[in-house]
PDB file of N, CA and C in Angstrom:
ATOM      1  N   UNK A   1     106.445 119.539  88.532  1.00  0.00           N
ATOM      2  CA  UNK A   1     105.480 120.506  88.052  1.00  0.00           C
ATOM      3  C   UNK A   1     104.126 120.250  88.695  1.00  0.00           C
ATOM      4  N   UNK A   2     103.541 121.295  89.174  1.00  0.00           N
ATOM      5  CA  UNK A   2     102.217 121.202  89.775  1.00  0.00           C
ATOM      6  C   UNK A   2     101.293 122.174  89.068  1.00  0.00           C
ATOM      7  N   UNK A   3     100.030 121.831  89.045  1.00  0.00           N
ATOM      8  CA  UNK A   3      99.042 122.692  88.423  1.00  0.00           C
ATOM      9  C   UNK A   3      98.824 123.911  89.306  1.00  0.00           C
ATOM     10  N   UNK A   4      98.943 125.081  88.717  1.00  0.00           N
ATOM     11  CA  UNK A   4      98.795 126.339  89.435  1.00  0.00           C
ATOM     12  C   UNK A   4      97.681 127.145  88.764  1.00  0.00           C
ATOM     13  N   UNK A   5      97.221 128.207  89.434  1.00  0.00           N
ATOM     14  CA  UNK A   5      96.203 129.053  88.819  1.00  0.00           C
ATOM     15  C   UNK A   5      96.352 130.501  89.253  1.00  0.00           C
ATOM     16  N   UNK A   6      95.772 131.376  88.450  1.00  0.00           N
ATOM     17  CA  UNK A   6      95.612 132.788  88.785  1.00  0.00           C
ATOM     18  C   UNK A   6      94.162 133.147  88.497  1.00  0.00           C
ATOM     19  N   UNK A   7      93.713 134.263  88.998  1.00  0.00           N
ATOM     20  CA  UNK A   7      92.354 134.720  88.734  1.00  0.00           C
ATOM     21  C   UNK A   7      92.380 135.792  87.661  1.00  0.00           C
ATOM     22  N   UNK A   8      91.452 135.686  86.696  1.00  0.00           N
ATOM     23  CA  UNK A   8      91.377 136.709  85.651  1.00  0.00           C
ATOM     24  C   UNK A   8      90.486 137.857  86.131  1.00  0.00           C
ATOM     25  N   UNK A   9      90.169 138.799  85.243  1.00  0.00           N
ATOM     26  CA  UNK A   9      89.382 139.979  85.606  1.00  0.00           C
ATOM     27  C   UNK A   9      87.965 139.632  86.049  1.00  0.00           C
ATOM     28  N   UNK A  10      87.438 138.509  85.564  1.00  0.00           N
ATOM     29  CA  UNK A  10      86.072 138.109  85.903  1.00  0.00           C
ATOM     30  C   UNK A  10      86.027 137.202  87.132  1.00  0.00           C
ATOM     31  N   UNK A  11      87.174 136.897  87.712  1.00  0.00           N
ATOM     32  CA  UNK A  11      87.231 136.061  88.897  1.00  0.00           C
ATOM     33  C   UNK A  11      87.303 134.580  88.597  1.00  0.00           C
ATOM     34  N   UNK A  12      87.488 134.217  87.337  1.00  0.00           N
ATOM     35  CA  UNK A  12      87.599 132.807  86.959  1.00  0.00           C
ATOM     36  C   UNK A  12      89.050 132.376  87.022  1.00  0.00           C
ATOM     37  N   UNK A  13      89.248 131.102  87.306  1.00  0.00           N
ATOM     38  CA  UNK A  13      90.603 130.565  87.391  1.00  0.00           C
ATOM     39  C   UNK A  13      91.199 130.343  86.003  1.00  0.00           C
ATOM     40  N   UNK A  14      92.457 130.742  85.871  1.00  0.00           N
ATOM     41  CA  UNK A  14      93.226 130.482  84.658  1.00  0.00           C
ATOM     42  C   UNK A  14      94.372 129.572  85.080  1.00  0.00           C
ATOM     43  N   UNK A  15      94.369 128.336  84.580  1.00  0.00           N
ATOM     44  CA  UNK A  15      95.343 127.332  85.005  1.00  0.00           C
ATOM     45  C   UNK A  15      96.626 127.413  84.195  1.00  0.00           C
ATOM     46  N   UNK A  16      97.747 127.134  84.869  1.00  0.00           N
ATOM     47  CA  UNK A  16      99.059 127.153  84.241  1.00  0.00           C
ATOM     48  C   UNK A  16      99.992 126.221  85.014  1.00  0.00           C
ATOM     49  N   UNK A  17     101.167 125.981  84.472  1.00  0.00           N
ATOM     50  CA  UNK A  17     102.185 125.198  85.169  1.00  0.00           C
ATOM     51  C   UNK A  17     103.302 126.083  85.706  1.00  0.00           C
ATOM     52  N   UNK A  18     103.208 127.375  85.451  1.00  0.00           N
ATOM     53  CA  UNK A  18     104.249 128.315  85.868  1.00  0.00           C
ATOM     54  C   UNK A  18     104.012 128.797  87.296  1.00  0.00           C
ATOM     55  N   UNK A  19     105.106 129.089  88.002  1.00  0.00           N
ATOM     56  CA  UNK A  19     105.023 129.614  89.370  1.00  0.00           C
ATOM     57  C   UNK A  19     104.682 131.106  89.375  1.00  0.00           C
ATOM     58  N   UNK A  20     105.150 131.812  88.358  1.00  0.00           N
ATOM     59  CA  UNK A  20     104.882 133.241  88.225  1.00  0.00           C
ATOM     60  C   UNK A  20     104.385 133.486  86.812  1.00  0.00           C
ATOM     61  N   UNK A  21     103.254 134.167  86.691  1.00  0.00           N
ATOM     62  CA  UNK A  21     102.717 134.482  85.373  1.00  0.00           C
ATOM     63  C   UNK A  21     102.567 135.993  85.290  1.00  0.00           C
ATOM     64  N   UNK A  22     103.355 136.598  84.414  1.00  0.00           N
ATOM     65  CA  UNK A  22     103.409 138.052  84.360  1.00  0.00           C
ATOM     66  C   UNK A  22     104.079 138.560  85.622  1.00  0.00           C
ATOM     67  N   UNK A  23     103.425 139.452  86.329  1.00  0.00           N
ATOM     68  CA  UNK A  23     103.960 139.955  87.598  1.00  0.00           C
ATOM     69  C   UNK A  23     103.228 139.341  88.786  1.00  0.00           C
ATOM     70  N   UNK A  24     102.346 138.378  88.507  1.00  0.00           N
ATOM     71  CA  UNK A  24     101.518 137.794  89.554  1.00  0.00           C
ATOM     72  C   UNK A  24     102.002 136.393  89.925  1.00  0.00           C
ATOM     73  N   UNK A  25     102.105 136.137  91.220  1.00  0.00           N
ATOM     74  CA  UNK A  25     102.493 134.817  91.708  1.00  0.00           C
ATOM     75  C   UNK A  25     101.259 133.921  91.661  1.00  0.00           C
ATOM     76  N   UNK A  26     101.406 132.726  91.096  1.00  0.00           N
ATOM     77  CA  UNK A  26     100.274 131.813  90.978  1.00  0.00           C
ATOM     78  C   UNK A  26     100.058 131.047  92.277  1.00  0.00           C
ATOM     79  N   UNK A  27      98.861 130.490  92.429  1.00  0.00           N
ATOM     80  CA  UNK A  27      98.500 129.719  93.618  1.00  0.00           C
ATOM     81  C   UNK A  27      98.348 128.260  93.227  1.00  0.00           C
ATOM     82  N   UNK A  28      98.564 127.367  94.168  1.00  0.00           N
ATOM     83  CA  UNK A  28      98.437 125.940  93.904  1.00  0.00           C
ATOM     84  C   UNK A  28      96.973 125.575  93.684  1.00  0.00           C
ATOM     85  N   UNK A  29      96.714 124.746  92.677  1.00  0.00           N
ATOM     86  CA  UNK A  29      95.353 124.310  92.382  1.00  0.00           C
ATOM     87  C   UNK A  29      94.970 123.078  93.189  1.00  0.00           C
ATOM     88  N   UNK A  30      95.909 122.538  93.949  1.00  0.00           N
ATOM     89  CA  UNK A  30      95.658 121.330  94.727  1.00  0.00           C
ATOM     90  C   UNK A  30      95.394 121.699  96.181  1.00  0.00           C
ATOM     91  N   UNK A  31      94.436 121.056  96.822  1.00  0.00           N
ATOM     92  CA  UNK A  31      94.175 121.371  98.228  1.00  0.00           C
ATOM     93  C   UNK A  31      95.307 120.869  99.122  1.00  0.00           C
ATOM     94  N   UNK A  32      95.477 121.510 100.242  1.00  0.00           N
ATOM     95  CA  UNK A  32      96.524 121.112 101.182  1.00  0.00           C
ATOM     96  C   UNK A  32      96.159 119.792 101.838  1.00  0.00           C
ATOM     97  N   UNK A  33      97.157 118.959 102.105  1.00  0.00           N
ATOM     98  CA  UNK A  33      96.918 117.687 102.781  1.00  0.00           C
ATOM     99  C   UNK A  33      96.778 117.874 104.280  1.00  0.00           C
ATOM    100  N   UNK A  34      97.453 118.841 104.813  1.00  0.00           N
ATOM    101  CA  UNK A  34      97.454 119.066 106.252  1.00  0.00           C
ATOM    102  C   UNK A  34      97.157 120.529 106.518  1.00  0.00           C
ATOM    103  N   UNK A  35      96.279 120.776 107.424  1.00  0.00           N
ATOM    104  CA  UNK A  35      95.957 122.142 107.794  1.00  0.00           C
ATOM    105  C   UNK A  35      96.480 122.424 109.199  1.00  0.00           C
ATOM    106  N   UNK A  36      97.281 123.458 109.372  1.00  0.00           N
ATOM    107  CA  UNK A  36      97.746 123.789 110.723  1.00  0.00           C
ATOM    108  C   UNK A  36      96.611 124.278 111.616  1.00  0.00           C
ATOM    109  N   UNK A  37      95.476 124.636 111.027  1.00  0.00           N
ATOM    110  CA  UNK A  37      94.321 125.093 111.800  1.00  0.00           C
ATOM    111  C   UNK A  37      93.357 123.948 112.091  1.00  0.00           C
ATOM    112  N   UNK A  38      93.869 122.732 112.220  1.00  0.00           N
ATOM    113  CA  UNK A  38      93.042 121.555 112.462  1.00  0.00           C
ATOM    114  C   UNK A  38      92.471 121.618 113.874  1.00  0.00           C
ATOM    115  N   UNK A  39      91.166 121.818 113.974  1.00  0.00           N
ATOM    116  CA  UNK A  39      90.519 121.982 115.274  1.00  0.00           C
ATOM    117  C   UNK A  39      90.280 120.652 115.983  1.00  0.00           C
ATOM    118  N   UNK A  40      90.241 119.556 115.238  1.00  0.00           N
ATOM    119  CA  UNK A  40      89.815 118.282 115.808  1.00  0.00           C
ATOM    120  C   UNK A  40      90.955 117.296 116.011  1.00  0.00           C
ATOM    121  N   UNK A  41      92.184 117.728 115.860  1.00  0.00           N
ATOM    122  CA  UNK A  41      93.338 116.851 116.011  1.00  0.00           C
ATOM    123  C   UNK A  41      93.387 116.236 117.405  1.00  0.00           C
ATOM    124  N   UNK A  42      93.168 117.026 118.415  1.00  0.00           N
ATOM    125  CA  UNK A  42      93.229 116.547 119.797  1.00  0.00           C
ATOM    126  C   UNK A  42      92.179 115.464 120.046  1.00  0.00           C
ATOM    127  N   UNK A  43      90.987 115.629 119.487  1.00  0.00           N
ATOM    128  CA  UNK A  43      89.919 114.653 119.682  1.00  0.00           C
ATOM    129  C   UNK A  43      90.239 113.335 118.986  1.00  0.00           C
ATOM    130  N   UNK A  44      90.832 113.401 117.796  1.00  0.00           N
ATOM    131  CA  UNK A  44      91.207 112.173 117.088  1.00  0.00           C
ATOM    132  C   UNK A  44      92.264 111.396 117.865  1.00  0.00           C
ATOM    133  N   UNK A  45      93.247 112.104 118.406  1.00  0.00           N
ATOM    134  CA  UNK A  45      94.292 111.443 119.188  1.00  0.00           C
ATOM    135  C   UNK A  45      93.694 110.823 120.448  1.00  0.00           C
ATOM    136  N   UNK A  46      92.768 111.518 121.098  1.00  0.00           N
ATOM    137  CA  UNK A  46      92.122 110.989 122.297  1.00  0.00           C
ATOM    138  C   UNK A  46      91.354 109.709 121.985  1.00  0.00           C
ATOM    139  N   UNK A  47      90.612 109.692 120.883  1.00  0.00           N
ATOM    140  CA  UNK A  47      89.857 108.495 120.508  1.00  0.00           C
ATOM    141  C   UNK A  47      90.779 107.341 120.143  1.00  0.00           C
ATOM    142  N   UNK A  48      91.844 107.630 119.415  1.00  0.00           N
ATOM    143  CA  UNK A  48      92.791 106.571 119.050  1.00  0.00           C
ATOM    144  C   UNK A  48      93.458 105.998 120.292  1.00  0.00           C
ATOM    145  N   UNK A  49      93.766 106.864 121.253  1.00  0.00           N
ATOM    146  CA  UNK A  49      94.382 106.404 122.496  1.00  0.00           C
ATOM    147  C   UNK A  49      93.406 105.525 123.275  1.00  0.00           C
ATOM    148  N   UNK A  50      92.144 105.929 123.305  1.00  0.00           N
ATOM    149  CA  UNK A  50      91.121 105.188 124.044  1.00  0.00           C
ATOM    150  C   UNK A  50      90.917 103.782 123.488  1.00  0.00           C
ATOM    151  N   UNK A  51      90.957 103.639 122.170  1.00  0.00           N
ATOM    152  CA  UNK A  51      90.694 102.341 121.551  1.00  0.00           C
ATOM    153  C   UNK A  51      91.960 101.597 121.141  1.00  0.00           C
ATOM    154  N   UNK A  52      93.125 102.093 121.556  1.00  0.00           N
ATOM    155  CA  UNK A  52      94.381 101.390 121.304  1.00  0.00           C
ATOM    156  C   UNK A  52      94.809 101.389 119.852  1.00  0.00           C
ATOM    157  N   UNK A  53      94.518 102.446 119.129  1.00  0.00           N
ATOM    158  CA  UNK A  53      94.845 102.505 117.710  1.00  0.00           C
ATOM    159  C   UNK A  53      96.109 103.294 117.396  1.00  0.00           C
ATOM    160  N   UNK A  54      96.723 103.892 118.412  1.00  0.00           N
ATOM    161  CA  UNK A  54      97.962 104.624 118.165  1.00  0.00           C
ATOM    162  C   UNK A  54      99.074 103.646 117.811  1.00  0.00           C
ATOM    163  N   UNK A  55      99.982 104.059 116.971  1.00  0.00           N
ATOM    164  CA  UNK A  55     101.079 103.186 116.548  1.00  0.00           C
ATOM    165  C   UNK A  55     101.906 102.741 117.748  1.00  0.00           C
ATOM    166  N   UNK A  56     102.064 103.613 118.716  1.00  0.00           N
ATOM    167  CA  UNK A  56     102.859 103.266 119.899  1.00  0.00           C
ATOM    168  C   UNK A  56     102.169 102.238 120.779  1.00  0.00           C
ATOM    169  N   UNK A  57     100.878 102.018 120.596  1.00  0.00           N
ATOM    170  CA  UNK A  57     100.141 101.054 121.399  1.00  0.00           C
ATOM    171  C   UNK A  57     100.063  99.681 120.740  1.00  0.00           C
ATOM    172  N   UNK A  58     100.545  99.554 119.524  1.00  0.00           N
ATOM    173  CA  UNK A  58     100.446  98.284 118.813  1.00  0.00           C
ATOM    174  C   UNK A  58     101.674  97.435 119.092  1.00  0.00           C
ATOM    175  N   UNK A  59     101.455  96.188 119.474  1.00  0.00           N
ATOM    176  CA  UNK A  59     102.564  95.310 119.850  1.00  0.00           C
ATOM    177  C   UNK A  59     103.320  94.789 118.634  1.00  0.00           C
ATOM    178  N   UNK A  60     102.713  94.770 117.461  1.00  0.00           N
ATOM    179  CA  UNK A  60     103.378  94.218 116.276  1.00  0.00           C
ATOM    180  C   UNK A  60     104.317  95.216 115.615  1.00  0.00           C
ATOM    181  N   UNK A  61     104.365  96.420 116.115  1.00  0.00           N
ATOM    182  CA  UNK A  61     105.229  97.434 115.515  1.00  0.00           C
ATOM    183  C   UNK A  61     106.687  97.016 115.563  1.00  0.00           C
ATOM    184  N   UNK A  62     107.128  96.504 116.694  1.00  0.00           N
ATOM    185  CA  UNK A  62     108.524  96.109 116.841  1.00  0.00           C
ATOM    186  C   UNK A  62     108.871  95.010 115.846  1.00  0.00           C
ATOM    187  N   UNK A  63     107.987  94.068 115.648  1.00  0.00           N
ATOM    188  CA  UNK A  63     108.254  92.946 114.750  1.00  0.00           C
ATOM    189  C   UNK A  63     108.278  93.384 113.292  1.00  0.00           C
ATOM    190  N   UNK A  64     107.476  94.360 112.922  1.00  0.00           N
ATOM    191  CA  UNK A  64     107.457  94.827 111.540  1.00  0.00           C
ATOM    192  C   UNK A  64     108.715  95.608 111.190  1.00  0.00           C
ATOM    193  N   UNK A  65     109.290  96.276 112.170  1.00  0.00           N
ATOM    194  CA  UNK A  65     110.463  97.098 111.894  1.00  0.00           C
ATOM    195  C   UNK A  65     111.755  96.293 111.875  1.00  0.00           C
ATOM    196  N   UNK A  66     111.758  95.124 112.496  1.00  0.00           N
ATOM    197  CA  UNK A  66     112.970  94.321 112.568  1.00  0.00           C
ATOM    198  C   UNK A  66     113.117  93.475 111.304  1.00  0.00           C
ATOM    199  N   UNK A  67     114.273  93.503 110.648  1.00  0.00           N
ATOM    200  CA  UNK A  67     114.478  92.658 109.474  1.00  0.00           C
ATOM    201  C   UNK A  67     114.593  91.197 109.886  1.00  0.00           C
ATOM    202  N   UNK A  68     114.096  90.322 109.036  1.00  0.00           N
ATOM    203  CA  UNK A  68     114.207  88.894 109.338  1.00  0.00           C
ATOM    204  C   UNK A  68     115.568  88.403 108.882  1.00  0.00           C
ATOM    205  N   UNK A  69     116.205  87.529 109.664  1.00  0.00           N
ATOM    206  CA  UNK A  69     117.519  86.998 109.274  1.00  0.00           C
ATOM    207  C   UNK A  69     117.418  86.200 107.974  1.00  0.00           C
ATOM    208  N   UNK A  70     118.494  86.171 107.210  1.00  0.00           N
ATOM    209  CA  UNK A  70     118.501  85.472 105.929  1.00  0.00           C
ATOM    210  C   UNK A  70     118.312  83.973 106.092  1.00  0.00           C
ATOM    211  N   UNK A  71     118.764  83.392 107.194  1.00  0.00           N
ATOM    212  CA  UNK A  71     118.640  81.949 107.388  1.00  0.00           C
ATOM    213  C   UNK A  71     117.175  81.522 107.502  1.00  0.00           C
ATOM    214  N   UNK A  72     116.305  82.387 108.008  1.00  0.00           N
ATOM    215  CA  UNK A  72     114.887  82.048 108.117  1.00  0.00           C
ATOM    216  C   UNK A  72     114.172  82.210 106.782  1.00  0.00           C
ATOM    217  N   UNK A  73     114.658  83.080 105.913  1.00  0.00           N
ATOM    218  CA  UNK A  73     114.012  83.309 104.626  1.00  0.00           C
ATOM    219  C   UNK A  73     114.238  82.174 103.649  1.00  0.00           C
ATOM    220  N   UNK A  74     115.300  81.411 103.782  1.00  0.00           N
ATOM    221  CA  UNK A  74     115.649  80.393 102.798  1.00  0.00           C
ATOM    222  C   UNK A  74     114.903  79.085 103.004  1.00  0.00           C
ATOM    223  N   UNK A  75     114.065  78.951 104.040  1.00  0.00           N
ATOM    224  CA  UNK A  75     113.331  77.694 104.296  1.00  0.00           C
ATOM    225  C   UNK A  75     112.258  77.463 103.294  1.00  0.00           C
TER     226      UNK A  75
END
């Protein structure tokens, strides 16, 4: 369940948990986490690449993904 809203006659939000209220489809009251209209995505990737912050540029990635053998854990 997510908090949803509709607009009343005065333009104020009326909050509900329903997806449809009456004949009107409600809108999500929570902001989107990702916007497809992100204008600055390319610049962020360029800066991360320049300073070596991309996940693919980190050398410890391989070690974090590999499970440690059980014989080393028991020491």
